[in-house]
Amino acid sequence: MVHRVKNSDRYYASVAIPGLRTLRVAGFPQKRLTEDLERQLELLVAFRTQSERPNRELQKYLDRLPDRTQRRLVKLNLLDAQDPSVNSRRLEDVLGSGEKGAAPGQYGRYLTGKGDSVGHARQQAARARRILVQMCEFTVISEIAAEPVLQALAELREEGLASTTSNAIRTACRTLTKWLTRERRLPADPLAYLERITAESDGDRRALSEEEQRKLVHSTKTQPVRGGLDGEERSLLYLLALATGFRRGELLSLRRADFDLDAAMPTVRVLHGHAKNKKTARIPLQPSTVTTVRRHVAAMLPAALVFQSANRHYRAAEVLRYDLESAGIPERTEHGKVDFHALRTAFITQMARAGLPLSQAQKLARHCSPALTSNIYSKFAPDEDAAAIAKLPSLADAIG
């Protein structure tokens, strides 16, 4: 029975331990929460009496308890002080905060300790953090479950994440939970059956024609709110995607201060923390784009997000699907599909159509390899191929 001690701001739970007198554990200011604590402690005593580890649900509850309560349970021998899960239950401790200059988490130190490079350790921790912490919003390791991870990966693929990258993130998460299980921080690997997926490749995308790009940007302006953005905001989002090649996350990270609209050469930048290659980049803007952006950000403070009304997990591919339909643009044709990442494909293809040198297109696309720029992202429709062939010298008259 929970009770309150005189001059205390919280209730106390009673714990009956076999062979000992009934002890008390400080609970919470709310009586209901303390009653729940008492019920969970009764279960914990039952498991300890049978020399068994707590089940998954109980472990998740224990992991969320305040450190003060954890220490009290260790003193009562209800938790093992040597059990790694007692002091290493938070995912932030395991993966690190991810902030620039912050110390690596326990997982990163493990990877470097076994010989992996510092860069690889950071990449693996960042990949796991992206799914487990940022998207699934797990806070302690016992919350990790396969279904939310599968859904998060599927959502990213809908937004244009390549199958190879999806599998790389899956591998980072799987490697983490295998290690946590070996370290006895998890009773069993919750991602043991998280299989690799086969998704459509980047080669299945097509580049919108110039006419389709204009139709999409123009038609979207009059469309209703979707994903938190009204038609004009989404029209600007598509315009910037087509004019800069920025990815979904890079676009949604843009702030007013990232636009230098009054310079002799107006530019927009994506900061290193939001760029895929972790390098700050600046892309020049065309005069017409500058005019449109200036109108949209005129009343914004420097730190304001340009697309601040977008939902937290803006479903770019799903929203684009509606806007394509409204513009009368087929999402899929025999030449490939159009998803949000295909807008980046269109940007790179437009550079090839304009005859830009490959080295310059690679620089603006921020690719590590010119082969990626030319072979994967440059897409030409059959009529463009036919037009190119028509420019070649005709030799048929030599036959006579």
Protein backbone atom coordinates (compact mmCIF):
# COMPACT_ATOMS: atom_id res chain seq x y z
CA MET A 1 0.00 0.00 0.00
CA VAL A 2 1.49 3.34 -1.02
CA HIS A 3 1.76 5.95 1.66
CA ARG A 4 3.04 9.45 2.21
CA VAL A 5 5.66 10.41 4.75
CA LYS A 6 5.21 13.60 6.73
CA ASN A 7 6.88 16.66 5.12
CA SER A 8 7.58 14.66 1.95
CA ASP A 9 6.55 15.77 -1.51
CA ARG A 10 6.13 12.24 -2.84
CA TYR A 11 4.47 8.91 -2.12
CA TYR A 12 6.36 5.75 -1.15
CA ALA A 13 5.87 2.24 -2.44
CA SER A 14 6.08 -0.77 -0.10
CA VAL A 15 8.16 -3.76 -1.21
CA ALA A 16 7.80 -7.10 0.58
CA ILE A 17 11.03 -9.08 0.07
CA PRO A 18 10.96 -12.74 1.22
CA GLY A 19 13.07 -13.22 4.32
CA LEU A 20 13.24 -9.51 5.00
CA ARG A 21 10.92 -6.93 6.42
CA THR A 22 8.81 -4.82 4.13
CA LEU A 23 10.92 -2.00 2.74
CA ARG A 24 9.90 1.22 1.11
CA VAL A 25 11.03 2.92 -2.10
CA ALA A 26 10.51 6.60 -2.85
CA GLY A 27 8.03 6.97 -5.69
CA PHE A 28 6.47 10.01 -7.29
CA PRO A 29 4.42 13.05 -6.25
CA GLN A 30 1.48 11.42 -8.03
CA LYS A 31 -0.20 8.61 -6.11
CA ARG A 32 -1.28 6.76 -9.27
CA LEU A 33 2.28 6.57 -10.61
CA THR A 34 3.54 5.32 -7.27
CA GLU A 35 0.86 2.61 -7.17
CA ASP A 36 2.06 1.50 -10.61
CA LEU A 37 5.63 1.45 -9.30
CA GLU A 38 4.56 -0.75 -6.42
CA ARG A 39 2.91 -3.25 -8.79
CA GLN A 40 5.98 -3.39 -10.99
CA LEU A 41 8.25 -3.92 -7.96
CA GLU A 42 6.10 -6.88 -6.88
CA LEU A 43 6.73 -8.42 -10.30
CA LEU A 44 10.44 -7.68 -9.99
CA VAL A 45 10.60 -9.42 -6.60
CA ALA A 46 8.88 -12.47 -8.12
CA PHE A 47 11.44 -12.64 -10.94
CA ARG A 48 14.36 -12.23 -8.53
CA THR A 49 12.98 -14.92 -6.24
CA GLN A 50 13.01 -17.32 -9.20
CA SER A 51 16.51 -16.13 -10.20
CA GLU A 52 15.13 -14.95 -13.53
CA ARG A 53 15.67 -11.77 -15.46
CA PRO A 54 12.68 -9.39 -15.84
CA ASN A 55 10.59 -9.85 -18.97
CA ARG A 56 10.68 -7.30 -21.76
CA GLU A 57 7.78 -5.15 -20.54
CA LEU A 58 9.07 -4.97 -17.00
CA GLN A 59 12.59 -4.20 -18.20
CA LYS A 60 11.26 -1.30 -20.28
CA TYR A 61 9.52 0.06 -17.20
CA LEU A 62 12.63 -0.28 -15.04
CA ASP A 63 14.77 1.43 -17.68
CA ARG A 64 12.59 4.53 -17.51
CA LEU A 65 12.86 4.89 -13.73
CA PRO A 66 14.84 7.86 -12.38
CA ASP A 67 18.49 7.19 -11.48
CA ARG A 68 17.67 7.75 -7.81
CA THR A 69 15.13 4.92 -7.88
CA GLN A 70 17.53 2.69 -9.80
CA ARG A 71 20.20 3.18 -7.13
CA ARG A 72 17.69 2.36 -4.38
CA LEU A 73 16.76 -0.91 -6.10
CA VAL A 74 20.44 -1.82 -6.39
CA LYS A 75 20.83 -1.29 -2.63
CA LEU A 76 17.87 -3.59 -2.05
CA ASN A 77 19.52 -6.22 -4.31
CA LEU A 78 16.54 -6.09 -6.64
CA LEU A 79 18.85 -4.93 -9.43
CA ASP A 80 22.37 -6.16 -10.01
CA ALA A 81 24.91 -3.33 -9.82
CA GLN A 82 27.16 -5.28 -12.19
CA ASP A 83 24.46 -5.72 -14.82
CA PRO A 84 25.47 -3.44 -17.70
CA SER A 85 21.85 -2.55 -18.37
CA VAL A 86 21.59 -0.71 -15.05
CA ASN A 87 24.01 2.06 -15.96
CA SER A 88 23.84 1.90 -19.76
CA ARG A 89 20.16 1.90 -20.54
CA ARG A 90 19.81 5.25 -22.33
CA LEU A 91 20.34 5.28 -26.08
CA GLU A 92 22.02 8.67 -25.83
CA ASP A 93 24.70 7.08 -23.64
CA VAL A 94 25.10 4.20 -26.07
CA LEU A 95 25.10 6.17 -29.34
CA GLY A 96 26.27 9.58 -28.18
CA SER A 97 24.43 12.86 -28.73
CA GLY A 98 25.65 13.30 -32.29
CA GLU A 99 26.47 16.96 -31.68
CA LYS A 100 29.61 18.35 -33.23
CA GLY A 101 32.60 17.87 -30.93
CA ALA A 102 30.65 15.67 -28.50
CA ALA A 103 32.32 12.56 -27.08
CA PRO A 104 31.45 9.30 -28.83
CA GLY A 105 28.97 6.98 -27.16
CA GLN A 106 29.76 3.57 -25.74
CA TYR A 107 29.05 1.90 -29.08
CA GLY A 108 31.45 4.21 -30.90
CA ARG A 109 34.18 3.50 -28.35
CA TYR A 110 33.58 -0.22 -28.79
CA LEU A 111 33.93 0.04 -32.58
CA THR A 112 37.15 2.06 -32.44
CA GLY A 113 38.45 -0.24 -29.72
CA LYS A 114 38.17 -3.25 -32.01
CA GLY A 115 40.01 -1.45 -34.79
CA ASP A 116 37.38 0.44 -36.81
CA SER A 117 38.24 3.95 -37.94
CA VAL A 118 36.82 6.93 -36.06
CA GLY A 119 34.94 7.99 -39.20
CA HIS A 120 33.31 4.57 -39.59
CA ALA A 121 32.33 4.50 -35.91
CA ARG A 122 30.68 7.92 -36.21
CA GLN A 123 28.86 6.89 -39.37
CA GLN A 124 27.49 3.69 -37.80
CA ALA A 125 26.33 5.53 -34.68
CA ALA A 126 24.73 8.28 -36.80
CA ARG A 127 22.85 5.75 -38.92
CA ALA A 128 21.49 3.93 -35.87
CA ARG A 129 20.65 7.24 -34.17
CA ARG A 130 18.73 8.44 -37.22
CA ILE A 131 16.32 5.52 -37.07
CA LEU A 132 16.18 4.54 -33.41
CA VAL A 133 16.29 7.97 -31.76
CA GLN A 134 15.15 10.54 -34.32
CA MET A 135 12.46 8.58 -36.16
CA CYS A 136 11.34 5.83 -33.77
CA GLU A 137 11.92 8.09 -30.74
CA PHE A 138 13.26 5.29 -28.54
CA THR A 139 14.93 6.66 -25.41
CA VAL A 140 16.15 3.46 -23.72
CA ILE A 141 17.53 0.30 -25.27
CA SER A 142 14.73 -1.97 -24.04
CA GLU A 143 12.25 0.02 -26.18
CA ILE A 144 13.92 -1.07 -29.43
CA ALA A 145 11.51 -3.15 -31.52
CA ALA A 146 11.54 -4.38 -35.10
CA GLU A 147 8.17 -3.08 -36.33
CA PRO A 148 8.83 0.67 -35.79
CA VAL A 149 12.27 0.27 -37.37
CA LEU A 150 10.75 -1.42 -40.43
CA GLN A 151 8.18 1.37 -40.75
CA ALA A 152 10.86 4.07 -40.42
CA LEU A 153 12.99 2.49 -43.15
CA ALA A 154 9.95 2.13 -45.40
CA GLU A 155 9.09 5.80 -44.85
CA LEU A 156 12.61 6.85 -45.82
CA ARG A 157 12.49 4.73 -48.97
CA GLU A 158 9.19 6.36 -49.92
CA GLU A 159 10.97 9.70 -49.66
CA GLY A 160 13.70 8.55 -52.04
CA LEU A 161 16.22 6.68 -49.88
CA ALA A 162 18.14 4.22 -52.08
CA SER A 163 17.95 0.51 -51.31
CA THR A 164 21.69 0.33 -50.65
CA THR A 165 21.47 3.12 -48.09
CA SER A 166 18.40 1.55 -46.48
CA ASN A 167 20.26 -1.72 -46.08
CA ALA A 168 23.32 0.09 -44.71
CA ILE A 169 21.17 1.74 -42.02
CA ARG A 170 19.52 -1.61 -41.28
CA THR A 171 22.97 -3.18 -40.86
CA ALA A 172 24.06 -0.43 -38.46
CA CYS A 173 20.98 -1.02 -36.28
CA ARG A 174 21.40 -4.81 -36.41
CA THR A 175 25.08 -4.61 -35.48
CA LEU A 176 24.20 -2.39 -32.52
CA THR A 177 21.52 -4.71 -31.11
CA LYS A 178 23.73 -7.79 -31.61
CA TRP A 179 26.42 -6.07 -29.56
CA LEU A 180 23.94 -4.99 -26.86
CA THR A 181 22.72 -8.59 -26.62
CA ARG A 182 26.27 -9.97 -26.29
CA GLU A 183 26.90 -7.39 -23.57
CA ARG A 184 23.79 -8.63 -21.68
CA ARG A 185 22.15 -5.24 -21.95
CA LEU A 186 19.28 -6.85 -23.86
CA PRO A 187 17.87 -10.29 -23.00
CA ALA A 188 17.40 -11.05 -26.73
CA ASP A 189 18.12 -9.28 -30.00
CA PRO A 190 14.90 -7.42 -30.95
CA LEU A 191 16.12 -6.91 -34.54
CA ALA A 192 17.31 -10.48 -35.13
CA TYR A 193 14.82 -11.02 -37.94
CA LEU A 194 15.14 -7.61 -39.56
CA GLU A 195 15.82 -8.78 -43.11
CA ARG A 196 17.53 -6.89 -45.89
CA ILE A 197 15.06 -5.47 -48.37
CA THR A 198 15.10 -5.27 -52.12
CA ALA A 199 13.82 -1.86 -53.17
CA GLU A 200 13.66 -0.10 -56.46
CA SER A 201 17.02 1.35 -57.44
CA ASP A 202 17.92 4.91 -58.40
CA GLY A 203 18.06 3.65 -61.98
CA ASP A 204 14.25 3.28 -61.98
CA ARG A 205 13.70 7.02 -61.66
CA ARG A 206 13.02 9.34 -64.55
CA ALA A 207 13.75 13.02 -64.90
CA LEU A 208 10.82 15.38 -65.36
CA SER A 209 10.90 17.28 -68.63
CA GLU A 210 11.17 21.07 -68.51
CA GLU A 211 7.46 21.32 -69.33
CA GLU A 212 6.56 18.91 -66.51
CA GLN A 213 8.70 20.87 -64.07
CA ARG A 214 6.88 24.08 -64.94
CA LYS A 215 3.49 22.38 -64.65
CA LEU A 216 4.34 20.96 -61.21
CA VAL A 217 5.57 24.27 -59.77
CA HIS A 218 2.67 26.26 -61.27
CA SER A 219 -0.15 23.81 -60.46
CA THR A 220 0.94 23.21 -56.85
CA LYS A 221 0.50 26.90 -55.93
CA THR A 222 -3.30 26.52 -55.87
CA GLN A 223 -3.42 23.15 -54.08
CA PRO A 224 -4.67 22.73 -50.47
CA VAL A 225 -2.52 22.21 -47.39
CA ARG A 226 -0.75 18.85 -47.32
CA GLY A 227 1.81 17.71 -44.79
CA GLY A 228 1.51 21.08 -43.02
CA LEU A 229 2.59 23.09 -46.10
CA ASP A 230 0.14 25.08 -48.19
CA GLY A 231 0.27 25.10 -51.98
CA GLU A 232 2.57 28.12 -52.30
CA GLU A 233 5.03 26.67 -49.78
CA ARG A 234 5.16 23.33 -51.59
CA SER A 235 5.52 25.12 -54.92
CA LEU A 236 8.61 26.86 -53.52
CA LEU A 237 9.85 23.56 -52.09
CA TYR A 238 9.66 21.92 -55.53
CA LEU A 239 11.20 24.97 -57.21
CA LEU A 240 14.20 24.87 -54.88
CA ALA A 241 14.56 21.10 -55.27
CA LEU A 242 14.62 21.49 -59.05
CA ALA A 243 16.88 24.57 -58.94
CA THR A 244 19.46 23.31 -56.43
CA GLY A 245 19.28 19.52 -56.31
CA PHE A 246 18.91 19.69 -52.53
CA ARG A 247 17.47 16.60 -50.89
CA ARG A 248 14.30 16.55 -48.78
CA GLY A 249 16.05 16.87 -45.41
CA GLU A 250 18.39 19.55 -46.70
CA LEU A 251 15.48 21.63 -47.99
CA LEU A 252 13.47 21.35 -44.77
CA SER A 253 16.54 22.44 -42.77
CA LEU A 254 16.87 25.76 -44.63
CA ARG A 255 16.62 28.95 -42.58
CA ARG A 256 16.25 32.54 -43.74
CA ALA A 257 19.95 33.14 -42.98
CA ASP A 258 20.95 30.40 -45.42
CA PHE A 259 19.85 32.58 -48.35
CA ASP A 260 22.23 35.32 -49.49
CA LEU A 261 19.85 37.10 -51.84
CA ASP A 262 21.56 40.52 -52.00
CA ALA A 263 25.00 39.34 -53.06
CA ALA A 264 26.34 39.94 -56.58
CA MET A 265 25.88 36.19 -57.03
CA PRO A 266 22.87 35.13 -54.89
CA THR A 267 23.27 31.72 -53.27
CA VAL A 268 21.62 29.28 -50.90
CA ARG A 269 23.62 27.12 -48.55
CA VAL A 270 23.03 23.83 -46.79
CA LEU A 271 24.98 23.52 -43.55
CA HIS A 272 27.30 20.58 -42.94
CA GLY A 273 25.09 19.14 -40.22
CA HIS A 274 22.22 18.67 -42.67
CA ALA A 275 24.15 17.78 -45.82
CA LYS A 276 24.48 14.11 -46.77
CA ASN A 277 28.25 14.39 -47.20
CA LYS A 278 28.54 16.49 -44.01
CA LYS A 279 30.03 19.42 -45.92
CA THR A 280 28.55 22.90 -46.12
CA ALA A 281 27.64 23.72 -49.72
CA ARG A 282 26.51 26.85 -51.56
CA ILE A 283 24.51 26.72 -54.77
CA PRO A 284 23.99 29.81 -56.99
CA LEU A 285 20.39 30.85 -57.63
CA GLN A 286 18.84 32.10 -60.85
CA PRO A 287 17.35 35.64 -60.77
CA SER A 288 13.77 34.34 -61.14
CA THR A 289 14.29 31.96 -58.20
CA VAL A 290 15.72 34.81 -56.12
CA THR A 291 12.59 36.89 -56.75
CA THR A 292 10.31 34.04 -55.66
CA VAL A 293 12.33 33.26 -52.55
CA ARG A 294 12.60 36.92 -51.56
CA ARG A 295 8.82 37.27 -51.64
CA HIS A 296 8.38 34.21 -49.42
CA VAL A 297 11.01 35.07 -46.77
CA ALA A 298 10.54 38.84 -46.65
CA ALA A 299 9.02 38.89 -43.16
CA MET A 300 11.15 36.09 -41.67
CA LEU A 301 13.81 36.48 -38.99
CA PRO A 302 17.28 35.10 -39.86
CA ALA A 303 16.87 31.99 -37.68
CA ALA A 304 13.37 31.14 -38.95
CA LEU A 305 12.89 27.90 -40.85
CA VAL A 306 11.74 28.61 -44.38
CA PHE A 307 9.38 25.61 -44.30
CA GLN A 308 8.61 25.85 -40.59
CA SER A 309 5.00 24.64 -40.90
CA ALA A 310 6.00 21.27 -42.41
CA ASN A 311 5.02 18.25 -40.32
CA ARG A 312 7.81 16.77 -38.22
CA HIS A 313 8.08 13.73 -40.50
CA TYR A 314 7.04 15.40 -43.76
CA ARG A 315 5.99 12.61 -46.14
CA ALA A 316 7.50 14.16 -49.24
CA ALA A 317 6.84 11.26 -51.61
CA GLU A 318 3.21 10.89 -50.53
CA VAL A 319 2.49 14.62 -50.85
CA LEU A 320 4.27 14.82 -54.21
CA ARG A 321 2.11 11.97 -55.48
CA TYR A 322 -1.02 14.10 -54.96
CA ASP A 323 0.59 17.18 -56.51
CA LEU A 324 1.73 15.23 -59.57
CA GLU A 325 -1.81 13.96 -60.07
CA SER A 326 -3.21 17.48 -59.72
CA ALA A 327 -0.72 18.72 -62.31
CA GLY A 328 -1.61 15.92 -64.72
CA ILE A 329 1.87 14.42 -64.57
CA PRO A 330 2.07 10.59 -64.48
CA GLU A 331 3.91 9.29 -61.43
CA ARG A 332 5.19 6.33 -63.42
CA THR A 333 5.74 5.74 -67.10
CA GLU A 334 7.63 3.14 -69.08
CA HIS A 335 10.73 5.28 -68.54
CA GLY A 336 10.58 5.19 -64.72
CA LYS A 337 8.95 6.68 -61.66
CA VAL A 338 8.86 10.15 -60.14
CA ASP A 339 9.37 10.47 -56.39
CA PHE A 340 10.78 13.37 -54.41
CA HIS A 341 14.37 12.32 -55.03
CA ALA A 342 13.58 12.36 -58.76
CA LEU A 343 13.51 16.16 -58.50
CA ARG A 344 17.23 15.96 -57.75
CA THR A 345 17.56 13.67 -60.76
CA ALA A 346 15.81 16.34 -62.86
CA PHE A 347 18.24 19.03 -61.60
CA ILE A 348 21.27 16.97 -62.60
CA THR A 349 19.73 15.96 -65.93
CA GLN A 350 19.01 19.60 -66.72
CA MET A 351 22.71 20.36 -66.30
CA ALA A 352 23.52 17.61 -68.80
CA ARG A 353 20.86 18.94 -71.19
CA ALA A 354 22.44 22.38 -70.93
CA GLY A 355 25.82 20.93 -71.88
CA LEU A 356 27.63 21.70 -68.61
CA PRO A 357 31.03 20.02 -68.29
CA LEU A 358 30.77 16.81 -66.29
CA SER A 359 33.25 18.05 -63.68
CA GLN A 360 31.10 21.13 -63.03
CA ALA A 361 27.88 19.08 -62.87
CA GLN A 362 29.56 16.71 -60.40
CA LYS A 363 30.57 19.67 -58.22
CA LEU A 364 27.07 21.18 -58.19
CA ALA A 365 25.50 17.76 -57.55
CA ARG A 366 27.98 17.24 -54.68
CA HIS A 367 28.83 13.76 -55.87
CA CYS A 368 32.03 11.94 -54.95
CA SER A 369 32.30 10.38 -58.39
CA PRO A 370 31.58 11.69 -61.92
CA ALA A 371 30.25 8.23 -62.77
CA LEU A 372 27.43 8.74 -60.26
CA THR A 373 26.53 12.05 -61.90
CA SER A 374 26.60 10.78 -65.49
CA ASN A 375 25.50 7.15 -65.21
CA ILE A 376 22.89 7.21 -62.44
CA TYR A 377 21.42 10.72 -62.27
CA SER A 378 21.52 11.89 -65.88
CA LYS A 379 18.33 10.61 -67.54
CA PHE A 380 17.40 11.24 -71.16
CA ALA A 381 14.03 10.40 -72.70
CA PRO A 382 13.91 8.48 -76.02
CA ASP A 383 12.93 11.61 -77.96
CA GLU A 384 16.01 13.37 -76.59
CA ASP A 385 18.16 10.43 -77.69
CA ALA A 386 16.57 10.63 -81.15
CA ALA A 387 17.22 14.40 -81.31
CA ALA A 388 20.85 13.82 -80.38
CA ILE A 389 21.26 11.19 -83.12
CA ALA A 390 19.69 13.55 -85.63
CA LYS A 391 22.53 16.02 -85.01
CA LEU A 392 25.14 13.51 -86.17
CA PRO A 393 26.43 13.62 -89.75
CA SER A 394 24.33 11.57 -92.19
CA LEU A 395 26.42 9.02 -94.08
CA ALA A 396 23.64 7.25 -95.99
CA ASP A 397 24.27 9.30 -99.12
CA ALA A 398 27.73 7.72 -99.36
CA ILE A 399 26.09 4.42 -100.35
CA GLY A 400 24.73 5.99 -103.47
